[in-house]
C-alpha cells in the first residue's frame, strides 16, 4: 500500500533537490556588489518619504476586499458552466439567483460610494 505513494515522495524529493540546488548556485555564482540603494526601501520608484508604519486610507482595503469578492465569483461560475447541461433549469435558476445577489451587492457598494477615490 505504501508503494502507491512512491511517486508523490519522489516528486517531493526532486522538488527539494531542485530548490536547494538553485539557491546554492545563486549564492555561489551570483554577483556580490552591495550598495546602499540596493538595500534601501523601494516605494514605486520614489524614495521613501515617510515611516513604514504610516496609516493607509481604509478605501484601499475596502477596494481590495471588493475585488476579492467579485473576483471569486468566477470560482463558483466556472464549475457551474462546465456542468451546465447536467444541471438543467434548476441549476440555471440557482446561478441566476447567485448572480442577482452579486449584482445587488455591487449596486449597493456603488451607491454607498465605496468605489469612489475622492
PDB file of N, CA and C in Angstrom:
ATOM      1  N   UNK A   1       0.824  -1.195   0.000  1.00  0.00           N
ATOM      2  CA  UNK A   1       0.000   0.000   0.000  1.00  0.00           C
ATOM      3  C   UNK A   1       0.871   1.263   0.000  1.00  0.00           C
ATOM      4  N   UNK A   2       1.983   1.238   0.694  1.00  0.00           N
ATOM      5  CA  UNK A   2       2.858   2.409   0.736  1.00  0.00           C
ATOM      6  C   UNK A   2       3.553   2.661  -0.592  1.00  0.00           C
ATOM      7  N   UNK A   3       3.632   1.654  -1.441  1.00  0.00           N
ATOM      8  CA  UNK A   3       4.276   1.841  -2.744  1.00  0.00           C
ATOM      9  C   UNK A   3       3.465   2.760  -3.649  1.00  0.00           C
ATOM     10  N   UNK A   4       2.181   2.919  -3.357  1.00  0.00           N
ATOM     11  CA  UNK A   4       1.354   3.834  -4.147  1.00  0.00           C
ATOM     12  C   UNK A   4       1.765   5.287  -3.940  1.00  0.00           C
ATOM     13  N   UNK A   5       2.400   5.580  -2.799  1.00  0.00           N
ATOM     14  CA  UNK A   5       2.830   6.947  -2.501  1.00  0.00           C
ATOM     15  C   UNK A   5       4.249   7.224  -2.965  1.00  0.00           C
ATOM     16  N   UNK A   6       4.905   6.261  -3.586  1.00  0.00           N
ATOM     17  CA  UNK A   6       6.270   6.454  -4.057  1.00  0.00           C
ATOM     18  C   UNK A   6       6.393   7.592  -5.075  1.00  0.00           C
ATOM     19  N   UNK A   7       5.503   7.727  -6.057  1.00  0.00           N
ATOM     20  CA  UNK A   7       5.619   8.866  -6.977  1.00  0.00           C
ATOM     21  C   UNK A   7       5.495  10.223  -6.261  1.00  0.00           C
ATOM     22  N   UNK A   8       4.634  10.311  -5.266  1.00  0.00           N
ATOM     23  CA  UNK A   8       4.489  11.565  -4.523  1.00  0.00           C
ATOM     24  C   UNK A   8       5.760  11.864  -3.748  1.00  0.00           C
ATOM     25  N   UNK A   9       6.317  10.862  -3.086  1.00  0.00           N
ATOM     26  CA  UNK A   9       7.565  11.036  -2.351  1.00  0.00           C
ATOM     27  C   UNK A   9       8.698  11.417  -3.290  1.00  0.00           C
ATOM     28  N   UNK A  10       8.759  10.766  -4.445  1.00  0.00           N
ATOM     29  CA  UNK A  10       9.781  11.095  -5.439  1.00  0.00           C
ATOM     30  C   UNK A  10       9.627  12.536  -5.926  1.00  0.00           C
ATOM     31  N   UNK A  11       8.401  12.961  -6.121  1.00  0.00           N
ATOM     32  CA  UNK A  11       8.150  14.340  -6.532  1.00  0.00           C
ATOM     33  C   UNK A  11       8.658  15.325  -5.478  1.00  0.00           C
ATOM     34  N   UNK A  12       8.372  15.070  -4.208  1.00  0.00           N
ATOM     35  CA  UNK A  12       8.843  15.959  -3.138  1.00  0.00           C
ATOM     36  C   UNK A  12      10.362  15.979  -3.050  1.00  0.00           C
ATOM     37  N   UNK A  13      10.992  14.830  -3.206  1.00  0.00           N
ATOM     38  CA  UNK A  13      12.453  14.763  -3.137  1.00  0.00           C
ATOM     39  C   UNK A  13      13.084  15.538  -4.295  1.00  0.00           C
ATOM     40  N   UNK A  14      12.592  15.332  -5.497  1.00  0.00           N
ATOM     41  CA  UNK A  14      13.140  16.040  -6.659  1.00  0.00           C
ATOM     42  C   UNK A  14      12.901  17.540  -6.528  1.00  0.00           C
ATOM     43  N   UNK A  15      11.737  17.924  -6.057  1.00  0.00           N
ATOM     44  CA  UNK A  15      11.439  19.349  -5.864  1.00  0.00           C
ATOM     45  C   UNK A  15      12.377  19.965  -4.836  1.00  0.00           C
ATOM     46  N   UNK A  16      12.628  19.276  -3.744  1.00  0.00           N
ATOM     47  CA  UNK A  16      13.537  19.789  -2.719  1.00  0.00           C
ATOM     48  C   UNK A  16      14.956  19.905  -3.264  1.00  0.00           C
ATOM     49  N   UNK A  17      15.402  18.902  -4.007  1.00  0.00           N
ATOM     50  CA  UNK A  17      16.760  18.939  -4.569  1.00  0.00           C
ATOM     51  C   UNK A  17      16.905  20.096  -5.550  1.00  0.00           C
ATOM     52  N   UNK A  18      15.929  20.289  -6.432  1.00  0.00           N
ATOM     53  CA  UNK A  18      15.996  21.384  -7.401  1.00  0.00           C
ATOM     54  C   UNK A  18      15.969  22.739  -6.682  1.00  0.00           C
ATOM     55  N   UNK A  19      15.107  22.886  -5.685  1.00  0.00           N
ATOM     56  CA  UNK A  19      15.036  24.154  -4.948  1.00  0.00           C
ATOM     57  C   UNK A  19      16.325  24.474  -4.227  1.00  0.00           C
ATOM     58  N   UNK A  20      16.887  23.494  -3.532  1.00  0.00           N
ATOM     59  CA  UNK A  20      18.141  23.723  -2.811  1.00  0.00           C
ATOM     60  C   UNK A  20      19.280  23.983  -3.787  1.00  0.00           C
ATOM     61  N   UNK A  21      19.312  23.251  -4.913  1.00  0.00           N
ATOM     62  CA  UNK A  21      20.363  23.462  -5.907  1.00  0.00           C
ATOM     63  C   UNK A  21      20.302  24.870  -6.493  1.00  0.00           C
ATOM     64  N   UNK A  22      19.124  25.356  -6.780  1.00  0.00           N
ATOM     65  CA  UNK A  22      19.006  26.707  -7.343  1.00  0.00           C
ATOM     66  C   UNK A  22      19.453  27.769  -6.351  1.00  0.00           C
ATOM     67  N   UNK A  23      19.132  27.597  -5.087  1.00  0.00           N
ATOM     68  CA  UNK A  23      19.563  28.557  -4.074  1.00  0.00           C
ATOM     69  C   UNK A  23      21.083  28.527  -3.929  1.00  0.00           C
ATOM     70  N   UNK A  24      21.662  27.332  -3.889  1.00  0.00           N
ATOM     71  CA  UNK A  24      23.116  27.214  -3.753  1.00  0.00           C
ATOM     72  C   UNK A  24      23.852  27.783  -4.963  1.00  0.00           C
ATOM     73  N   UNK A  25      23.371  27.494  -6.146  1.00  0.00           N
ATOM     74  CA  UNK A  25      24.005  28.028  -7.360  1.00  0.00           C
ATOM     75  C   UNK A  25      23.934  29.546  -7.374  1.00  0.00           C
ATOM     76  N   UNK A  26      22.816  30.090  -6.993  1.00  0.00           N
ATOM     77  CA  UNK A  26      22.694  31.552  -6.940  1.00  0.00           C
ATOM     78  C   UNK A  26      23.633  32.174  -5.921  1.00  0.00           C
ATOM     79  N   UNK A  27      23.760  31.535  -4.760  1.00  0.00           N
ATOM     80  CA  UNK A  27      24.656  32.069  -3.734  1.00  0.00           C
ATOM     81  C   UNK A  27      26.123  31.905  -4.104  1.00  0.00           C
ATOM     82  N   UNK A  28      26.472  30.810  -4.772  1.00  0.00           N
ATOM     83  CA  UNK A  28      27.875  30.573  -5.113  1.00  0.00           C
ATOM     84  C   UNK A  28      28.350  31.407  -6.296  1.00  0.00           C
ATOM     85  N   UNK A  29      27.534  31.503  -7.328  1.00  0.00           N
ATOM     86  CA  UNK A  29      27.971  32.145  -8.560  1.00  0.00           C
ATOM     87  C   UNK A  29      27.367  33.524  -8.812  1.00  0.00           C
ATOM     88  N   UNK A  30      26.455  33.959  -7.968  1.00  0.00           N
ATOM     89  CA  UNK A  30      25.815  35.255  -8.157  1.00  0.00           C
ATOM     90  C   UNK A  30      26.745  36.400  -7.787  1.00  0.00           C
ATOM     91  N   UNK A  31      26.584  37.562  -8.437  1.00  0.00           N
ATOM     92  CA  UNK A  31      27.438  38.711  -8.114  1.00  0.00           C
ATOM     93  C   UNK A  31      27.120  39.255  -6.723  1.00  0.00           C
ATOM     94  N   UNK A  32      28.164  39.759  -6.086  1.00  0.00           N
ATOM     95  CA  UNK A  32      28.006  40.371  -4.757  1.00  0.00           C
ATOM     96  C   UNK A  32      28.564  41.781  -4.820  1.00  0.00           C
ATOM     97  N   UNK A  33      27.683  42.722  -5.112  1.00  0.00           N
ATOM     98  CA  UNK A  33      28.079  44.128  -5.143  1.00  0.00           C
ATOM     99  C   UNK A  33      27.099  44.919  -4.281  1.00  0.00           C
ATOM    100  N   UNK A  34      27.251  44.857  -2.961  1.00  0.00           N
ATOM    101  CA  UNK A  34      26.297  45.559  -2.095  1.00  0.00           C
ATOM    102  C   UNK A  34      26.407  47.072  -2.247  1.00  0.00           C
ATOM    103  N   UNK A  35      25.276  47.720  -2.339  1.00  0.00           N
ATOM    104  CA  UNK A  35      25.203  49.167  -2.418  1.00  0.00           C
ATOM    105  C   UNK A  35      24.075  49.634  -1.521  1.00  0.00           C
ATOM    106  N   UNK A  36      24.140  50.878  -1.116  1.00  0.00           N
ATOM    107  CA  UNK A  36      23.103  51.413  -0.230  1.00  0.00           C
ATOM    108  C   UNK A  36      21.748  51.424  -0.926  1.00  0.00           C
ATOM    109  N   UNK A  37      21.724  51.738  -2.225  1.00  0.00           N
ATOM    110  CA  UNK A  37      20.454  51.777  -2.954  1.00  0.00           C
ATOM    111  C   UNK A  37      19.818  50.395  -3.047  1.00  0.00           C
ATOM    112  N   UNK A  38      20.649  49.381  -3.149  1.00  0.00           N
ATOM    113  CA  UNK A  38      20.130  48.027  -3.294  1.00  0.00           C
ATOM    114  C   UNK A  38      19.398  47.563  -2.033  1.00  0.00           C
ATOM    115  N   UNK A  39      19.843  48.016  -0.882  1.00  0.00           N
ATOM    116  CA  UNK A  39      19.244  47.588   0.373  1.00  0.00           C
ATOM    117  C   UNK A  39      18.245  48.586   0.941  1.00  0.00           C
ATOM    118  N   UNK A  40      17.976  49.658   0.229  1.00  0.00           N
ATOM    119  CA  UNK A  40      17.013  50.645   0.721  1.00  0.00           C
ATOM    120  C   UNK A  40      15.586  50.218   0.369  1.00  0.00           C
ATOM    121  N   UNK A  41      14.633  50.818   1.066  1.00  0.00           N
ATOM    122  CA  UNK A  41      13.221  50.514   0.805  1.00  0.00           C
ATOM    123  C   UNK A  41      12.829  51.074  -0.558  1.00  0.00           C
ATOM    124  N   UNK A  42      11.974  50.358  -1.261  1.00  0.00           N
ATOM    125  CA  UNK A  42      11.537  50.762  -2.597  1.00  0.00           C
ATOM    126  C   UNK A  42      10.045  51.040  -2.565  1.00  0.00           C
ATOM    127  N   UNK A  43       9.673  52.250  -2.960  1.00  0.00           N
ATOM    128  CA  UNK A  43       8.260  52.628  -2.979  1.00  0.00           C
ATOM    129  C   UNK A  43       7.892  53.155  -4.356  1.00  0.00           C
ATOM    130  N   UNK A  44       7.555  52.281  -5.243  1.00  0.00           N
ATOM    131  CA  UNK A  44       7.023  52.646  -6.562  1.00  0.00           C
ATOM    132  C   UNK A  44       7.932  53.602  -7.323  1.00  0.00           C
ATOM    133  N   UNK A  45       9.237  53.458  -7.204  1.00  0.00           N
ATOM    134  CA  UNK A  45      10.160  54.308  -7.936  1.00  0.00           C
ATOM    135  C   UNK A  45      10.522  55.591  -7.229  1.00  0.00           C
ATOM    136  N   UNK A  46       9.891  55.890  -6.106  1.00  0.00           N
ATOM    137  CA  UNK A  46      10.187  57.092  -5.352  1.00  0.00           C
ATOM    138  C   UNK A  46      11.031  56.735  -4.135  1.00  0.00           C
ATOM    139  N   UNK A  47      11.776  57.703  -3.649  1.00  0.00           N
ATOM    140  CA  UNK A  47      12.495  57.474  -2.407  1.00  0.00           C
ATOM    141  C   UNK A  47      11.492  57.444  -1.267  1.00  0.00           C
ATOM    142  N   UNK A  48      11.825  56.701  -0.234  1.00  0.00           N
ATOM    143  CA  UNK A  48      10.912  56.587   0.907  1.00  0.00           C
ATOM    144  C   UNK A  48      10.736  57.961   1.536  1.00  0.00           C
ATOM    145  N   UNK A  49       9.497  58.370   1.746  1.00  0.00           N
ATOM    146  CA  UNK A  49       9.245  59.722   2.236  1.00  0.00           C
ATOM    147  C   UNK A  49       8.626  59.742   3.622  1.00  0.00           C
ATOM    148  N   UNK A  50       8.191  58.619   4.139  1.00  0.00           N
ATOM    149  CA  UNK A  50       7.607  58.576   5.477  1.00  0.00           C
ATOM    150  C   UNK A  50       7.970  57.271   6.154  1.00  0.00           C
ATOM    151  N   UNK A  51       7.539  57.140   7.359  1.00  0.00           N
ATOM    152  CA  UNK A  51       7.765  55.925   8.113  1.00  0.00           C
ATOM    153  C   UNK A  51       6.937  54.783   7.505  1.00  0.00           C
ATOM    154  N   UNK A  52       7.444  53.587   7.583  1.00  0.00           N
ATOM    155  CA  UNK A  52       6.736  52.433   7.027  1.00  0.00           C
ATOM    156  C   UNK A  52       5.453  52.136   7.797  1.00  0.00           C
ATOM    157  N   UNK A  53       5.316  52.680   8.981  1.00  0.00           N
ATOM    158  CA  UNK A  53       4.128  52.419   9.793  1.00  0.00           C
ATOM    159  C   UNK A  53       3.058  53.499   9.625  1.00  0.00           C
ATOM    160  N   UNK A  54       3.099  54.211   8.506  1.00  0.00           N
ATOM    161  CA  UNK A  54       2.099  55.257   8.298  1.00  0.00           C
ATOM    162  C   UNK A  54       0.718  54.635   8.073  1.00  0.00           C
ATOM    163  N   UNK A  55      -0.321  55.401   8.319  1.00  0.00           N
ATOM    164  CA  UNK A  55      -1.688  54.910   8.168  1.00  0.00           C
ATOM    165  C   UNK A  55      -2.119  54.981   6.714  1.00  0.00           C
ATOM    166  N   UNK A  56      -2.832  53.943   6.305  1.00  0.00           N
ATOM    167  CA  UNK A  56      -3.409  53.912   4.969  1.00  0.00           C
ATOM    168  C   UNK A  56      -4.889  54.208   5.068  1.00  0.00           C
ATOM    169  N   UNK A  57      -5.397  54.762   4.003  1.00  0.00           N
ATOM    170  CA  UNK A  57      -6.826  55.032   3.937  1.00  0.00           C
ATOM    171  C   UNK A  57      -7.572  53.702   3.855  1.00  0.00           C
ATOM    172  N   UNK A  58      -8.684  53.615   4.534  1.00  0.00           N
ATOM    173  CA  UNK A  58      -9.446  52.369   4.581  1.00  0.00           C
ATOM    174  C   UNK A  58      -9.998  52.011   3.205  1.00  0.00           C
ATOM    175  N   UNK A  59     -10.057  52.965   2.304  1.00  0.00           N
ATOM    176  CA  UNK A  59     -10.586  52.680   0.964  1.00  0.00           C
ATOM    177  C   UNK A  59      -9.715  51.675   0.207  1.00  0.00           C
ATOM    178  N   UNK A  60      -8.402  51.670   0.468  1.00  0.00           N
ATOM    179  CA  UNK A  60      -7.539  50.684  -0.187  1.00  0.00           C
ATOM    180  C   UNK A  60      -7.957  49.277   0.203  1.00  0.00           C
ATOM    181  N   UNK A  61      -8.180  49.074   1.495  1.00  0.00           N
ATOM    182  CA  UNK A  61      -8.580  47.754   1.976  1.00  0.00           C
ATOM    183  C   UNK A  61      -9.980  47.406   1.482  1.00  0.00           C
ATOM    184  N   UNK A  62     -10.873  48.356   1.487  1.00  0.00           N
ATOM    185  CA  UNK A  62     -12.232  48.113   1.016  1.00  0.00           C
ATOM    186  C   UNK A  62     -12.239  47.725  -0.452  1.00  0.00           C
ATOM    187  N   UNK A  63     -11.450  48.434  -1.243  1.00  0.00           N
ATOM    188  CA  UNK A  63     -11.374  48.127  -2.664  1.00  0.00           C
ATOM    189  C   UNK A  63     -10.789  46.737  -2.878  1.00  0.00           C
ATOM    190  N   UNK A  64      -9.781  46.363  -2.101  1.00  0.00           N
ATOM    191  CA  UNK A  64      -9.180  45.032  -2.224  1.00  0.00           C
ATOM    192  C   UNK A  64     -10.181  43.951  -1.847  1.00  0.00           C
ATOM    193  N   UNK A  65     -10.926  44.168  -0.789  1.00  0.00           N
ATOM    194  CA  UNK A  65     -11.931  43.184  -0.371  1.00  0.00           C
ATOM    195  C   UNK A  65     -13.020  43.058  -1.428  1.00  0.00           C
ATOM    196  N   UNK A  66     -13.452  44.172  -1.982  1.00  0.00           N
ATOM    197  CA  UNK A  66     -14.468  44.112  -3.033  1.00  0.00           C
ATOM    198  C   UNK A  66     -13.951  43.385  -4.264  1.00  0.00           C
ATOM    199  N   UNK A  67     -12.687  43.624  -4.603  1.00  0.00           N
ATOM    200  CA  UNK A  67     -12.104  42.910  -5.742  1.00  0.00           C
ATOM    201  C   UNK A  67     -12.118  41.409  -5.491  1.00  0.00           C
ATOM    202  N   UNK A  68     -11.719  41.010  -4.303  1.00  0.00           N
ATOM    203  CA  UNK A  68     -11.681  39.583  -3.990  1.00  0.00           C
ATOM    204  C   UNK A  68     -13.086  38.981  -4.058  1.00  0.00           C
ATOM    205  N   UNK A  69     -14.056  39.685  -3.510  1.00  0.00           N
ATOM    206  CA  UNK A  69     -15.431  39.160  -3.519  1.00  0.00           C
ATOM    207  C   UNK A  69     -15.935  38.974  -4.937  1.00  0.00           C
ATOM    208  N   UNK A  70     -15.770  39.990  -5.768  1.00  0.00           N
ATOM    209  CA  UNK A  70     -16.320  39.903  -7.117  1.00  0.00           C
ATOM    210  C   UNK A  70     -15.435  39.074  -8.043  1.00  0.00           C
ATOM    211  N   UNK A  71     -14.177  38.894  -7.689  1.00  0.00           N
ATOM    212  CA  UNK A  71     -13.318  38.045  -8.487  1.00  0.00           C
ATOM    213  C   UNK A  71     -13.548  36.577  -8.155  1.00  0.00           C
ATOM    214  N   UNK A  72     -13.879  36.287  -6.913  1.00  0.00           N
ATOM    215  CA  UNK A  72     -14.110  34.903  -6.516  1.00  0.00           C
ATOM    216  C   UNK A  72     -15.408  34.331  -7.070  1.00  0.00           C
ATOM    217  N   UNK A  73     -16.251  35.184  -7.602  1.00  0.00           N
ATOM    218  CA  UNK A  73     -17.468  34.631  -8.194  1.00  0.00           C
ATOM    219  C   UNK A  73     -17.119  33.740  -9.373  1.00  0.00           C
ATOM    220  N   UNK A  74     -15.993  33.974 -10.009  1.00  0.00           N
ATOM    221  CA  UNK A  74     -15.562  33.109 -11.106  1.00  0.00           C
ATOM    222  C   UNK A  74     -15.289  31.703 -10.586  1.00  0.00           C
ATOM    223  N   UNK A  75     -14.818  31.602  -9.353  1.00  0.00           N
ATOM    224  CA  UNK A  75     -14.564  30.281  -8.772  1.00  0.00           C
ATOM    225  C   UNK A  75     -15.862  29.489  -8.631  1.00  0.00           C
ATOM    226  N   UNK A  76     -16.979  30.166  -8.567  1.00  0.00           N
ATOM    227  CA  UNK A  76     -18.266  29.480  -8.491  1.00  0.00           C
ATOM    228  C   UNK A  76     -18.925  29.341  -9.858  1.00  0.00           C
ATOM    229  N   UNK A  77     -18.704  30.313 -10.727  1.00  0.00           N
ATOM    230  CA  UNK A  77     -19.367  30.294 -12.035  1.00  0.00           C
ATOM    231  C   UNK A  77     -18.700  29.293 -12.978  1.00  0.00           C
ATOM    232  N   UNK A  78     -17.378  29.172 -12.929  1.00  0.00           N
ATOM    233  CA  UNK A  78     -16.689  28.283 -13.869  1.00  0.00           C
ATOM    234  C   UNK A  78     -17.084  26.820 -13.702  1.00  0.00           C
ATOM    235  N   UNK A  79     -17.063  26.260 -12.479  1.00  0.00           N
ATOM    236  CA  UNK A  79     -17.513  24.861 -12.359  1.00  0.00           C
ATOM    237  C   UNK A  79     -18.977  24.680 -12.756  1.00  0.00           C
ATOM    238  N   UNK A  80     -19.799  25.683 -12.467  1.00  0.00           N
ATOM    239  CA  UNK A  80     -21.203  25.608 -12.859  1.00  0.00           C
ATOM    240  C   UNK A  80     -21.323  25.554 -14.380  1.00  0.00           C
ATOM    241  N   UNK A  81     -20.505  26.353 -15.060  1.00  0.00           N
ATOM    242  CA  UNK A  81     -20.577  26.394 -16.522  1.00  0.00           C
ATOM    243  C   UNK A  81     -20.111  25.085 -17.147  1.00  0.00           C
ATOM    244  N   UNK A  82     -19.201  24.392 -16.483  1.00  0.00           N
ATOM    245  CA  UNK A  82     -18.716  23.132 -17.064  1.00  0.00           C
ATOM    246  C   UNK A  82     -19.750  22.010 -16.974  1.00  0.00           C
ATOM    247  N   UNK A  83     -20.644  22.071 -16.003  1.00  0.00           N
ATOM    248  CA  UNK A  83     -21.667  21.028 -15.855  1.00  0.00           C
ATOM    249  C   UNK A  83     -23.066  21.594 -16.095  1.00  0.00           C
ATOM    250  N   UNK A  84     -23.156  22.679 -16.826  1.00  0.00           N
ATOM    251  CA  UNK A  84     -24.436  23.348 -17.041  1.00  0.00           C
ATOM    252  C   UNK A  84     -25.465  22.423 -17.680  1.00  0.00           C
ATOM    253  N   UNK A  85     -25.055  21.622 -18.649  1.00  0.00           N
ATOM    254  CA  UNK A  85     -26.026  20.776 -19.357  1.00  0.00           C
ATOM    255  C   UNK A  85     -26.615  19.697 -18.442  1.00  0.00           C
ATOM    256  N   UNK A  86     -25.889  19.310 -17.398  1.00  0.00           N
ATOM    257  CA  UNK A  86     -26.397  18.286 -16.478  1.00  0.00           C
ATOM    258  C   UNK A  86     -27.313  18.876 -15.410  1.00  0.00           C
ATOM    259  N   UNK A  87     -27.207  20.156 -15.142  1.00  0.00           N
ATOM    260  CA  UNK A  87     -27.986  20.765 -14.059  1.00  0.00           C
ATOM    261  C   UNK A  87     -29.407  21.105 -14.467  1.00  0.00           C
ATOM    262  N   UNK A  88     -29.584  21.460 -15.707  1.00  0.00           N
ATOM    263  CA  UNK A  88     -30.920  21.768 -16.189  1.00  0.00           C
ATOM    264  C   UNK A  88     -31.417  23.125 -15.724  1.00  0.00           C
ATOM    265  N   UNK A  89     -32.736  23.253 -15.698  1.00  0.00           N
ATOM    266  CA  UNK A  89     -33.371  24.520 -15.367  1.00  0.00           C
ATOM    267  C   UNK A  89     -33.128  24.925 -13.908  1.00  0.00           C
ATOM    268  N   UNK A  90     -33.114  23.972 -13.008  1.00  0.00           N
ATOM    269  CA  UNK A  90     -32.873  24.284 -11.593  1.00  0.00           C
ATOM    270  C   UNK A  90     -31.489  24.903 -11.392  1.00  0.00           C
ATOM    271  N   UNK A  91     -30.474  24.381 -12.069  1.00  0.00           N
ATOM    272  CA  UNK A  91     -29.127  24.945 -11.986  1.00  0.00           C
ATOM    273  C   UNK A  91     -29.071  26.355 -12.541  1.00  0.00           C
ATOM    274  N   UNK A  92     -29.818  26.590 -13.609  1.00  0.00           N
ATOM    275  CA  UNK A  92     -29.861  27.934 -14.194  1.00  0.00           C
ATOM    276  C   UNK A  92     -30.516  28.920 -13.244  1.00  0.00           C
ATOM    277  N   UNK A  93     -31.593  28.519 -12.605  1.00  0.00           N
ATOM    278  CA  UNK A  93     -32.286  29.404 -11.664  1.00  0.00           C
ATOM    279  C   UNK A  93     -31.400  29.695 -10.455  1.00  0.00           C
ATOM    280  N   UNK A  94     -30.733  28.672  -9.926  1.00  0.00           N
ATOM    281  CA  UNK A  94     -29.863  28.879  -8.772  1.00  0.00           C
ATOM    282  C   UNK A  94     -28.712  29.821  -9.104  1.00  0.00           C
ATOM    283  N   UNK A  95     -28.092  29.647 -10.274  1.00  0.00           N
ATOM    284  CA  UNK A  95     -26.993  30.541 -10.649  1.00  0.00           C
ATOM    285  C   UNK A  95     -27.510  31.940 -10.928  1.00  0.00           C
ATOM    286  N   UNK A  96     -28.709  32.041 -11.461  1.00  0.00           N
ATOM    287  CA  UNK A  96     -29.304  33.365 -11.669  1.00  0.00           C
ATOM    288  C   UNK A  96     -29.528  34.078 -10.347  1.00  0.00           C
ATOM    289  N   UNK A  97     -29.972  33.342  -9.329  1.00  0.00           N
ATOM    290  CA  UNK A  97     -30.147  33.956  -8.001  1.00  0.00           C
ATOM    291  C   UNK A  97     -28.800  34.369  -7.411  1.00  0.00           C
ATOM    292  N   UNK A  98     -27.779  33.547  -7.572  1.00  0.00           N
ATOM    293  CA  UNK A  98     -26.447  33.875  -7.081  1.00  0.00           C
ATOM    294  C   UNK A  98     -25.907  35.137  -7.743  1.00  0.00           C
ATOM    295  N   UNK A  99     -26.019  35.204  -9.060  1.00  0.00           N
ATOM    296  CA  UNK A  99     -25.528  36.386  -9.776  1.00  0.00           C
ATOM    297  C   UNK A  99     -26.371  37.618  -9.468  1.00  0.00           C
ATOM    298  N   UNK A 100     -27.663  37.430  -9.254  1.00  0.00           N
ATOM    299  CA  UNK A 100     -28.513  38.568  -8.884  1.00  0.00           C
ATOM    300  C   UNK A 100     -28.097  39.135  -7.531  1.00  0.00           C
ATOM    301  N   UNK A 101     -27.766  38.263  -6.576  1.00  0.00           N
ATOM    302  CA  UNK A 101     -27.276  38.735  -5.282  1.00  0.00           C
ATOM    303  C   UNK A 101     -25.960  39.477  -5.418  1.00  0.00           C
ATOM    304  N   UNK A 102     -25.080  38.991  -6.287  1.00  0.00           N
ATOM    305  CA  UNK A 102     -23.818  39.696  -6.507  1.00  0.00           C
ATOM    306  C   UNK A 102     -24.044  41.066  -7.144  1.00  0.00           C
ATOM    307  N   UNK A 103     -24.936  41.118  -8.113  1.00  0.00           N
ATOM    308  CA  UNK A 103     -25.238  42.406  -8.749  1.00  0.00           C
ATOM    309  C   UNK A 103     -25.883  43.347  -7.744  1.00  0.00           C
ATOM    310  N   UNK A 104     -26.757  42.839  -6.913  1.00  0.00           N
ATOM    311  CA  UNK A 104     -27.379  43.652  -5.880  1.00  0.00           C
ATOM    312  C   UNK A 104     -26.318  44.204  -4.905  1.00  0.00           C
ATOM    313  N   UNK A 105     -25.370  43.366  -4.524  1.00  0.00           N
ATOM    314  CA  UNK A 105     -24.280  43.821  -3.662  1.00  0.00           C
ATOM    315  C   UNK A 105     -23.420  44.855  -4.351  1.00  0.00           C
ATOM    316  N   UNK A 106     -23.155  44.664  -5.628  1.00  0.00           N
ATOM    317  CA  UNK A 106     -22.366  45.642  -6.386  1.00  0.00           C
ATOM    318  C   UNK A 106     -23.079  46.984  -6.474  1.00  0.00           C
ATOM    319  N   UNK A 107     -24.365  46.955  -6.737  1.00  0.00           N
ATOM    320  CA  UNK A 107     -25.137  48.202  -6.807  1.00  0.00           C
ATOM    321  C   UNK A 107     -25.139  48.897  -5.444  1.00  0.00           C
ATOM    322  N   UNK A 108     -25.278  48.140  -4.364  1.00  0.00           N
ATOM    323  CA  UNK A 108     -25.242  48.714  -3.011  1.00  0.00           C
ATOM    324  C   UNK A 108     -23.901  49.386  -2.745  1.00  0.00           C
ATOM    325  N   UNK A 109     -22.819  48.697  -3.081  1.00  0.00           N
ATOM    326  CA  UNK A 109     -21.481  49.262  -2.862  1.00  0.00           C
ATOM    327  C   UNK A 109     -21.289  50.500  -3.728  1.00  0.00           C
ATOM    328  N   UNK A 110     -21.787  50.466  -4.933  1.00  0.00           N
ATOM    329  CA  UNK A 110     -21.650  51.601  -5.839  1.00  0.00           C
ATOM    330  C   UNK A 110     -22.427  52.808  -5.299  1.00  0.00           C
ATOM    331  N   UNK A 111     -23.652  52.584  -4.850  1.00  0.00           N
ATOM    332  CA  UNK A 111     -24.483  53.668  -4.316  1.00  0.00           C
ATOM    333  C   UNK A 111     -23.903  54.248  -3.026  1.00  0.00           C
ATOM    334  N   UNK A 112     -23.249  53.404  -2.217  1.00  0.00           N
ATOM    335  CA  UNK A 112     -22.634  53.887  -0.981  1.00  0.00           C
ATOM    336  C   UNK A 112     -21.376  54.706  -1.247  1.00  0.00           C
ATOM    337  N   UNK A 113     -20.861  54.649  -2.488  1.00  0.00           N
ATOM    338  CA  UNK A 113     -19.673  55.423  -2.851  1.00  0.00           C
ATOM    339  C   UNK A 113     -18.360  54.737  -2.506  1.00  0.00           C
ATOM    340  N   UNK A 114     -18.384  53.426  -2.310  1.00  0.00           N
ATOM    341  CA  UNK A 114     -17.155  52.708  -1.937  1.00  0.00           C
ATOM    342  C   UNK A 114     -16.177  52.605  -3.095  1.00  0.00           C
ATOM    343  N   UNK A 115     -16.643  52.804  -4.318  1.00  0.00           N
ATOM    344  CA  UNK A 115     -15.774  52.725  -5.462  1.00  0.00           C
ATOM    345  C   UNK A 115     -15.227  54.083  -5.891  1.00  0.00           C
ATOM    346  N   UNK A 116     -15.533  55.121  -5.154  1.00  0.00           N
ATOM    347  CA  UNK A 116     -15.054  56.479  -5.460  1.00  0.00           C
ATOM    348  C   UNK A 116     -13.712  56.696  -4.781  1.00  0.00           C
ATOM    349  N   UNK A 117     -12.798  57.382  -5.468  1.00  0.00           N
ATOM    350  CA  UNK A 117     -11.469  57.621  -4.902  1.00  0.00           C
ATOM    351  C   UNK A 117     -11.316  59.046  -4.388  1.00  0.00           C
ATOM    352  N   UNK A 118     -12.312  59.843  -4.406  1.00  0.00           N
ATOM    353  CA  UNK A 118     -12.189  61.242  -3.994  1.00  0.00           C
ATOM    354  C   UNK A 118     -12.226  61.411  -2.509  1.00  0.00           C
TER     355      UNK A 118
END
